[in-house]
């Protein structure tokens, strides 16, 4: 495993990292590794799971479904 030294971290950023580490019961080093993994190792989501998440979000915000015509009209607006 590689070792990396991170220099010149702004104080406010380090404080945020430290607080996140405490909140997640991790060391600062482990929290930083977790953040890097989240950034560089995206989680694959199935189409079904993505649709389920969209439905859940839509129900929370009370959004109505748009039909294809409304979507196309919004997309084409201003293209005349």
PDB file of N, CA and C in Angstrom:
ATOM      1  N   UNK A   1       0.834  -1.176   0.000  1.00  0.00           N
ATOM      2  CA  UNK A   1       0.000   0.000   0.000  1.00  0.00           C
ATOM      3  C   UNK A   1       0.883   1.246   0.000  1.00  0.00           C
ATOM      4  N   UNK A   2       0.455   2.231  -0.714  1.00  0.00           N
ATOM      5  CA  UNK A   2       1.224   3.463  -0.828  1.00  0.00           C
ATOM      6  C   UNK A   2       0.968   4.380   0.370  1.00  0.00           C
ATOM      7  N   UNK A   3       1.938   5.229   0.644  1.00  0.00           N
ATOM      8  CA  UNK A   3       1.809   6.271   1.661  1.00  0.00           C
ATOM      9  C   UNK A   3       1.839   7.615   0.965  1.00  0.00           C
ATOM     10  N   UNK A   4       0.980   8.523   1.407  1.00  0.00           N
ATOM     11  CA  UNK A   4       0.899   9.853   0.823  1.00  0.00           C
ATOM     12  C   UNK A   4       0.904  10.868   1.951  1.00  0.00           C
ATOM     13  N   UNK A   5       1.640  11.938   1.776  1.00  0.00           N
ATOM     14  CA  UNK A   5       1.633  13.044   2.724  1.00  0.00           C
ATOM     15  C   UNK A   5       0.900  14.204   2.067  1.00  0.00           C
ATOM     16  N   UNK A   6      -0.092  14.741   2.749  1.00  0.00           N
ATOM     17  CA  UNK A   6      -0.857  15.870   2.221  1.00  0.00           C
ATOM     18  C   UNK A   6      -0.402  17.111   2.966  1.00  0.00           C
ATOM     19  N   UNK A   7       0.089  18.082   2.217  1.00  0.00           N
ATOM     20  CA  UNK A   7       0.617  19.301   2.828  1.00  0.00           C
ATOM     21  C   UNK A   7      -0.283  20.490   2.534  1.00  0.00           C
ATOM     22  N   UNK A   8      -0.180  21.482   3.384  1.00  0.00           N
ATOM     23  CA  UNK A   8      -0.839  22.779   3.199  1.00  0.00           C
ATOM     24  C   UNK A   8      -2.358  22.686   3.092  1.00  0.00           C
ATOM     25  N   UNK A   9      -2.961  21.833   3.905  1.00  0.00           N
ATOM     26  CA  UNK A   9      -4.417  21.760   3.954  1.00  0.00           C
ATOM     27  C   UNK A   9      -4.917  23.004   4.690  1.00  0.00           C
ATOM     28  N   UNK A  10      -5.814  23.759   4.078  1.00  0.00           N
ATOM     29  CA  UNK A  10      -6.343  24.936   4.773  1.00  0.00           C
ATOM     30  C   UNK A  10      -6.980  24.530   6.103  1.00  0.00           C
ATOM     31  N   UNK A  11      -6.806  25.371   7.111  1.00  0.00           N
ATOM     32  CA  UNK A  11      -7.292  25.062   8.459  1.00  0.00           C
ATOM     33  C   UNK A  11      -8.773  24.720   8.480  1.00  0.00           C
ATOM     34  N   UNK A  12      -9.596  25.486   7.743  1.00  0.00           N
ATOM     35  CA  UNK A  12     -11.040  25.234   7.763  1.00  0.00           C
ATOM     36  C   UNK A  12     -11.386  23.895   7.113  1.00  0.00           C
ATOM     37  N   UNK A  13     -10.668  23.515   6.065  1.00  0.00           N
ATOM     38  CA  UNK A  13     -10.896  22.225   5.425  1.00  0.00           C
ATOM     39  C   UNK A  13     -10.483  21.079   6.347  1.00  0.00           C
ATOM     40  N   UNK A  14      -9.357  21.244   7.015  1.00  0.00           N
ATOM     41  CA  UNK A  14      -8.911  20.218   7.957  1.00  0.00           C
ATOM     42  C   UNK A  14      -9.910  20.072   9.101  1.00  0.00           C
ATOM     43  N   UNK A  15     -10.454  21.177   9.566  1.00  0.00           N
ATOM     44  CA  UNK A  15     -11.435  21.128  10.656  1.00  0.00           C
ATOM     45  C   UNK A  15     -12.687  20.383  10.213  1.00  0.00           C
ATOM     46  N   UNK A  16     -13.130  20.614   8.972  1.00  0.00           N
ATOM     47  CA  UNK A  16     -14.287  19.886   8.443  1.00  0.00           C
ATOM     48  C   UNK A  16     -13.993  18.389   8.359  1.00  0.00           C
ATOM     49  N   UNK A  17     -12.808  18.043   7.897  1.00  0.00           N
ATOM     50  CA  UNK A  17     -12.401  16.648   7.795  1.00  0.00           C
ATOM     51  C   UNK A  17     -12.367  16.004   9.181  1.00  0.00           C
ATOM     52  N   UNK A  18     -11.829  16.725  10.138  1.00  0.00           N
ATOM     53  CA  UNK A  18     -11.729  16.235  11.513  1.00  0.00           C
ATOM     54  C   UNK A  18     -13.124  16.014  12.116  1.00  0.00           C
ATOM     55  N   UNK A  19     -14.029  16.951  11.883  1.00  0.00           N
ATOM     56  CA  UNK A  19     -15.396  16.821  12.400  1.00  0.00           C
ATOM     57  C   UNK A  19     -16.120  15.645  11.745  1.00  0.00           C
ATOM     58  N   UNK A  20     -15.917  15.475  10.443  1.00  0.00           N
ATOM     59  CA  UNK A  20     -16.533  14.343   9.739  1.00  0.00           C
ATOM     60  C   UNK A  20     -15.987  13.028  10.283  1.00  0.00           C
ATOM     61  N   UNK A  21     -14.686  12.977  10.539  1.00  0.00           N
ATOM     62  CA  UNK A  21     -14.064  11.770  11.090  1.00  0.00           C
ATOM     63  C   UNK A  21     -14.672  11.433  12.449  1.00  0.00           C
ATOM     64  N   UNK A  22     -14.830  12.436  13.283  1.00  0.00           N
ATOM     65  CA  UNK A  22     -15.426  12.211  14.600  1.00  0.00           C
ATOM     66  C   UNK A  22     -16.868  11.730  14.473  1.00  0.00           C
ATOM     67  N   UNK A  23     -17.614  12.329  13.563  1.00  0.00           N
ATOM     68  CA  UNK A  23     -19.017  11.959  13.381  1.00  0.00           C
ATOM     69  C   UNK A  23     -19.166  10.523  12.891  1.00  0.00           C
ATOM     70  N   UNK A  24     -18.196  10.058  12.117  1.00  0.00           N
ATOM     71  CA  UNK A  24     -18.260   8.702  11.565  1.00  0.00           C
ATOM     72  C   UNK A  24     -17.414   7.703  12.350  1.00  0.00           C
ATOM     73  N   UNK A  25     -16.894   8.150  13.488  1.00  0.00           N
ATOM     74  CA  UNK A  25     -16.071   7.286  14.355  1.00  0.00           C
ATOM     75  C   UNK A  25     -14.874   6.710  13.596  1.00  0.00           C
ATOM     76  N   UNK A  26     -14.177   7.601  12.885  1.00  0.00           N
ATOM     77  CA  UNK A  26     -12.995   7.215  12.131  1.00  0.00           C
ATOM     78  C   UNK A  26     -11.848   8.137  12.503  1.00  0.00           C
ATOM     79  N   UNK A  27     -10.647   7.689  12.176  1.00  0.00           N
ATOM     80  CA  UNK A  27      -9.497   8.578  12.282  1.00  0.00           C
ATOM     81  C   UNK A  27      -9.558   9.554  11.108  1.00  0.00           C
ATOM     82  N   UNK A  28      -8.801  10.623  11.200  1.00  0.00           N
ATOM     83  CA  UNK A  28      -8.746  11.592  10.102  1.00  0.00           C
ATOM     84  C   UNK A  28      -8.230  10.892   8.842  1.00  0.00           C
ATOM     85  N   UNK A  29      -7.228  10.038   8.993  1.00  0.00           N
ATOM     86  CA  UNK A  29      -6.681   9.305   7.853  1.00  0.00           C
ATOM     87  C   UNK A  29      -7.756   8.425   7.207  1.00  0.00           C
ATOM     88  N   UNK A  30      -8.502   7.680   8.011  1.00  0.00           N
ATOM     89  CA  UNK A  30      -9.555   6.814   7.480  1.00  0.00           C
ATOM     90  C   UNK A  30     -10.658   7.614   6.808  1.00  0.00           C
ATOM     91  N   UNK A  31     -10.987   8.762   7.374  1.00  0.00           N
ATOM     92  CA  UNK A  31     -12.012   9.616   6.775  1.00  0.00           C
ATOM     93  C   UNK A  31     -11.543  10.138   5.425  1.00  0.00           C
ATOM     94  N   UNK A  32     -10.291  10.521   5.333  1.00  0.00           N
ATOM     95  CA  UNK A  32      -9.743  11.005   4.070  1.00  0.00           C
ATOM     96  C   UNK A  32      -9.760   9.900   3.023  1.00  0.00           C
ATOM     97  N   UNK A  33      -9.389   8.689   3.409  1.00  0.00           N
ATOM     98  CA  UNK A  33      -9.434   7.553   2.479  1.00  0.00           C
ATOM     99  C   UNK A  33     -10.875   7.311   2.029  1.00  0.00           C
ATOM    100  N   UNK A  34     -11.810   7.376   2.964  1.00  0.00           N
ATOM    101  CA  UNK A  34     -13.224   7.195   2.617  1.00  0.00           C
ATOM    102  C   UNK A  34     -13.668   8.248   1.595  1.00  0.00           C
ATOM    103  N   UNK A  35     -13.295   9.496   1.826  1.00  0.00           N
ATOM    104  CA  UNK A  35     -13.651  10.578   0.896  1.00  0.00           C
ATOM    105  C   UNK A  35     -13.060  10.329  -0.492  1.00  0.00           C
ATOM    106  N   UNK A  36     -11.817   9.888  -0.538  1.00  0.00           N
ATOM    107  CA  UNK A  36     -11.177   9.591  -1.820  1.00  0.00           C
ATOM    108  C   UNK A  36     -11.871   8.425  -2.521  1.00  0.00           C
ATOM    109  N   UNK A  37     -12.232   7.393  -1.758  1.00  0.00           N
ATOM    110  CA  UNK A  37     -12.935   6.256  -2.351  1.00  0.00           C
ATOM    111  C   UNK A  37     -14.277   6.683  -2.922  1.00  0.00           C
ATOM    112  N   UNK A  38     -15.000   7.538  -2.208  1.00  0.00           N
ATOM    113  CA  UNK A  38     -16.293   8.017  -2.690  1.00  0.00           C
ATOM    114  C   UNK A  38     -16.143   8.826  -3.972  1.00  0.00           C
ATOM    115  N   UNK A  39     -15.036   9.541  -4.094  1.00  0.00           N
ATOM    116  CA  UNK A  39     -14.807  10.369  -5.268  1.00  0.00           C
ATOM    117  C   UNK A  39     -14.353   9.552  -6.467  1.00  0.00           C
ATOM    118  N   UNK A  40     -13.457   8.608  -6.246  1.00  0.00           N
ATOM    119  CA  UNK A  40     -12.831   7.908  -7.354  1.00  0.00           C
ATOM    120  C   UNK A  40     -13.353   6.499  -7.600  1.00  0.00           C
ATOM    121  N   UNK A  41     -14.208   5.979  -6.755  1.00  0.00           N
ATOM    122  CA  UNK A  41     -14.772   4.644  -6.940  1.00  0.00           C
ATOM    123  C   UNK A  41     -16.291   4.739  -6.928  1.00  0.00           C
ATOM    124  N   UNK A  42     -16.868   5.229  -8.020  1.00  0.00           N
ATOM    125  CA  UNK A  42     -18.322   5.402  -8.038  1.00  0.00           C
ATOM    126  C   UNK A  42     -19.044   4.067  -7.875  1.00  0.00           C
ATOM    127  N   UNK A  43     -20.160   4.122  -7.205  1.00  0.00           N
ATOM    128  CA  UNK A  43     -20.979   2.938  -6.974  1.00  0.00           C
ATOM    129  C   UNK A  43     -21.922   2.775  -8.165  1.00  0.00           C
ATOM    130  N   UNK A  44     -21.921   1.596  -8.739  1.00  0.00           N
ATOM    131  CA  UNK A  44     -22.826   1.318  -9.855  1.00  0.00           C
ATOM    132  C   UNK A  44     -24.230   1.109  -9.303  1.00  0.00           C
ATOM    133  N   UNK A  45     -25.194   1.749  -9.955  1.00  0.00           N
ATOM    134  CA  UNK A  45     -26.579   1.660  -9.534  1.00  0.00           C
ATOM    135  C   UNK A  45     -27.380   1.082 -10.693  1.00  0.00           C
ATOM    136  N   UNK A  46     -28.199   0.089 -10.409  1.00  0.00           N
ATOM    137  CA  UNK A  46     -29.017  -0.514 -11.461  1.00  0.00           C
ATOM    138  C   UNK A  46     -30.099   0.472 -11.895  1.00  0.00           C
ATOM    139  N   UNK A  47     -30.636   0.247 -13.086  1.00  0.00           N
ATOM    140  CA  UNK A  47     -31.706   1.107 -13.600  1.00  0.00           C
ATOM    141  C   UNK A  47     -32.924   1.056 -12.691  1.00  0.00           C
ATOM    142  N   UNK A  48     -33.211  -0.116 -12.160  1.00  0.00           N
ATOM    143  CA  UNK A  48     -34.354  -0.269 -11.255  1.00  0.00           C
ATOM    144  C   UNK A  48     -34.162   0.543  -9.985  1.00  0.00           C
ATOM    145  N   UNK A  49     -32.961   0.459  -9.414  1.00  0.00           N
ATOM    146  CA  UNK A  49     -32.689   1.219  -8.188  1.00  0.00           C
ATOM    147  C   UNK A  49     -32.743   2.721  -8.463  1.00  0.00           C
ATOM    148  N   UNK A  50     -32.219   3.146  -9.604  1.00  0.00           N
ATOM    149  CA  UNK A  50     -32.255   4.564  -9.964  1.00  0.00           C
ATOM    150  C   UNK A  50     -33.694   5.040 -10.121  1.00  0.00           C
ATOM    151  N   UNK A  51     -34.531   4.224 -10.768  1.00  0.00           N
ATOM    152  CA  UNK A  51     -35.951   4.579 -10.925  1.00  0.00           C
ATOM    153  C   UNK A  51     -36.650   4.644  -9.572  1.00  0.00           C
ATOM    154  N   UNK A  52     -36.319   3.706  -8.675  1.00  0.00           N
ATOM    155  CA  UNK A  52     -36.903   3.729  -7.332  1.00  0.00           C
ATOM    156  C   UNK A  52     -36.511   4.990  -6.577  1.00  0.00           C
ATOM    157  N   UNK A  53     -35.250   5.377  -6.697  1.00  0.00           N
ATOM    158  CA  UNK A  53     -34.789   6.608  -6.034  1.00  0.00           C
ATOM    159  C   UNK A  53     -35.502   7.833  -6.598  1.00  0.00           C
ATOM    160  N   UNK A  54     -35.684   7.850  -7.920  1.00  0.00           N
ATOM    161  CA  UNK A  54     -36.369   8.984  -8.558  1.00  0.00           C
ATOM    162  C   UNK A  54     -37.814   9.068  -8.075  1.00  0.00           C
ATOM    163  N   UNK A  55     -38.494   7.908  -7.989  1.00  0.00           N
ATOM    164  CA  UNK A  55     -39.867   7.890  -7.495  1.00  0.00           C
ATOM    165  C   UNK A  55     -39.943   8.413  -6.063  1.00  0.00           C
ATOM    166  N   UNK A  56     -39.007   7.965  -5.231  1.00  0.00           N
ATOM    167  CA  UNK A  56     -38.996   8.401  -3.831  1.00  0.00           C
ATOM    168  C   UNK A  56     -38.762   9.909  -3.732  1.00  0.00           C
ATOM    169  N   UNK A  57     -37.835  10.411  -4.518  1.00  0.00           N
ATOM    170  CA  UNK A  57     -37.558  11.850  -4.509  1.00  0.00           C
ATOM    171  C   UNK A  57     -38.767  12.627  -5.008  1.00  0.00           C
ATOM    172  N   UNK A  58     -39.367  12.140  -6.091  1.00  0.00           N
ATOM    173  CA  UNK A  58     -40.538  12.805  -6.652  1.00  0.00           C
ATOM    174  C   UNK A  58     -41.659  12.868  -5.625  1.00  0.00           C
ATOM    175  N   UNK A  59     -41.858  11.806  -4.858  1.00  0.00           N
ATOM    176  CA  UNK A  59     -42.931  11.802  -3.856  1.00  0.00           C
ATOM    177  C   UNK A  59     -42.632  12.773  -2.715  1.00  0.00           C
ATOM    178  N   UNK A  60     -41.343  12.941  -2.399  1.00  0.00           N
ATOM    179  CA  UNK A  60     -40.985  13.867  -1.316  1.00  0.00           C
ATOM    180  C   UNK A  60     -41.191  15.314  -1.708  1.00  0.00           C
ATOM    181  N   UNK A  61     -40.973  15.648  -2.969  1.00  0.00           N
ATOM    182  CA  UNK A  61     -41.089  17.053  -3.387  1.00  0.00           C
ATOM    183  C   UNK A  61     -42.435  17.345  -4.045  1.00  0.00           C
ATOM    184  N   UNK A  62     -43.240  16.314  -4.236  1.00  0.00           N
ATOM    185  CA  UNK A  62     -44.557  16.523  -4.818  1.00  0.00           C
ATOM    186  C   UNK A  62     -44.523  16.871  -6.288  1.00  0.00           C
ATOM    187  N   UNK A  63     -43.510  16.448  -6.998  1.00  0.00           N
ATOM    188  CA  UNK A  63     -43.393  16.754  -8.425  1.00  0.00           C
ATOM    189  C   UNK A  63     -44.336  15.870  -9.232  1.00  0.00           C
ATOM    190  N   UNK A  64     -44.897  16.460 -10.278  1.00  0.00           N
ATOM    191  CA  UNK A  64     -45.763  15.694 -11.167  1.00  0.00           C
ATOM    192  C   UNK A  64     -44.931  15.118 -12.300  1.00  0.00           C
ATOM    193  N   UNK A  65     -45.405  14.002 -12.840  1.00  0.00           N
ATOM    194  CA  UNK A  65     -44.727  13.389 -13.990  1.00  0.00           C
ATOM    195  C   UNK A  65     -44.935  14.256 -15.212  1.00  0.00           C
ATOM    196  N   UNK A  66     -43.904  14.394 -16.001  1.00  0.00           N
ATOM    197  CA  UNK A  66     -44.004  15.103 -17.267  1.00  0.00           C
ATOM    198  C   UNK A  66     -44.169  14.078 -18.383  1.00  0.00           C
ATOM    199  N   UNK A  67     -44.986  14.425 -19.376  1.00  0.00           N
ATOM    200  CA  UNK A  67     -45.079  13.499 -20.501  1.00  0.00           C
ATOM    201  C   UNK A  67     -44.028  13.890 -21.541  1.00  0.00           C
ATOM    202  N   UNK A  68     -43.865  13.045 -22.529  1.00  0.00           N
ATOM    203  CA  UNK A  68     -42.825  13.246 -23.542  1.00  0.00           C
ATOM    204  C   UNK A  68     -42.991  14.587 -24.248  1.00  0.00           C
ATOM    205  N   UNK A  69     -44.221  14.966 -24.524  1.00  0.00           N
ATOM    206  CA  UNK A  69     -44.473  16.246 -25.196  1.00  0.00           C
ATOM    207  C   UNK A  69     -43.981  17.427 -24.375  1.00  0.00           C
ATOM    208  N   UNK A  70     -44.233  17.400 -23.076  1.00  0.00           N
ATOM    209  CA  UNK A  70     -43.776  18.498 -22.203  1.00  0.00           C
ATOM    210  C   UNK A  70     -42.250  18.549 -22.135  1.00  0.00           C
ATOM    211  N   UNK A  71     -41.634  17.396 -22.075  1.00  0.00           N
ATOM    212  CA  UNK A  71     -40.166  17.344 -22.033  1.00  0.00           C
ATOM    213  C   UNK A  71     -39.590  17.884 -23.334  1.00  0.00           C
ATOM    214  N   UNK A  72     -40.130  17.449 -24.465  1.00  0.00           N
ATOM    215  CA  UNK A  72     -39.629  17.924 -25.762  1.00  0.00           C
ATOM    216  C   UNK A  72     -39.857  19.421 -25.929  1.00  0.00           C
ATOM    217  N   UNK A  73     -40.996  19.918 -25.487  1.00  0.00           N
ATOM    218  CA  UNK A  73     -41.285  21.353 -25.587  1.00  0.00           C
ATOM    219  C   UNK A  73     -40.293  22.161 -24.753  1.00  0.00           C
ATOM    220  N   UNK A  74     -39.992  21.686 -23.536  1.00  0.00           N
ATOM    221  CA  UNK A  74     -39.031  22.383 -22.676  1.00  0.00           C
ATOM    222  C   UNK A  74     -37.643  22.359 -23.305  1.00  0.00           C
ATOM    223  N   UNK A  75     -37.280  21.204 -23.886  1.00  0.00           N
ATOM    224  CA  UNK A  75     -35.967  21.068 -24.509  1.00  0.00           C
ATOM    225  C   UNK A  75     -35.841  21.983 -25.726  1.00  0.00           C
ATOM    226  N   UNK A  76     -36.920  22.075 -26.509  1.00  0.00           N
ATOM    227  CA  UNK A  76     -36.874  22.847 -27.757  1.00  0.00           C
ATOM    228  C   UNK A  76     -37.115  24.332 -27.571  1.00  0.00           C
ATOM    229  N   UNK A  77     -37.511  24.735 -26.374  1.00  0.00           N
ATOM    230  CA  UNK A  77     -37.814  26.138 -26.130  1.00  0.00           C
ATOM    231  C   UNK A  77     -36.586  27.004 -26.442  1.00  0.00           C
ATOM    232  N   UNK A  78     -36.806  28.016 -27.239  1.00  0.00           N
ATOM    233  CA  UNK A  78     -35.716  28.925 -27.561  1.00  0.00           C
ATOM    234  C   UNK A  78     -34.850  28.469 -28.728  1.00  0.00           C
ATOM    235  N   UNK A  79     -35.177  27.351 -29.355  1.00  0.00           N
ATOM    236  CA  UNK A  79     -34.380  26.861 -30.478  1.00  0.00           C
ATOM    237  C   UNK A  79     -34.908  27.326 -31.835  1.00  0.00           C
ATOM    238  N   UNK A  80     -35.920  28.143 -31.817  1.00  0.00           N
ATOM    239  CA  UNK A  80     -36.579  28.564 -33.059  1.00  0.00           C
ATOM    240  C   UNK A  80     -35.793  29.553 -33.839  1.00  0.00           C
TER     241      UNK A  80
END
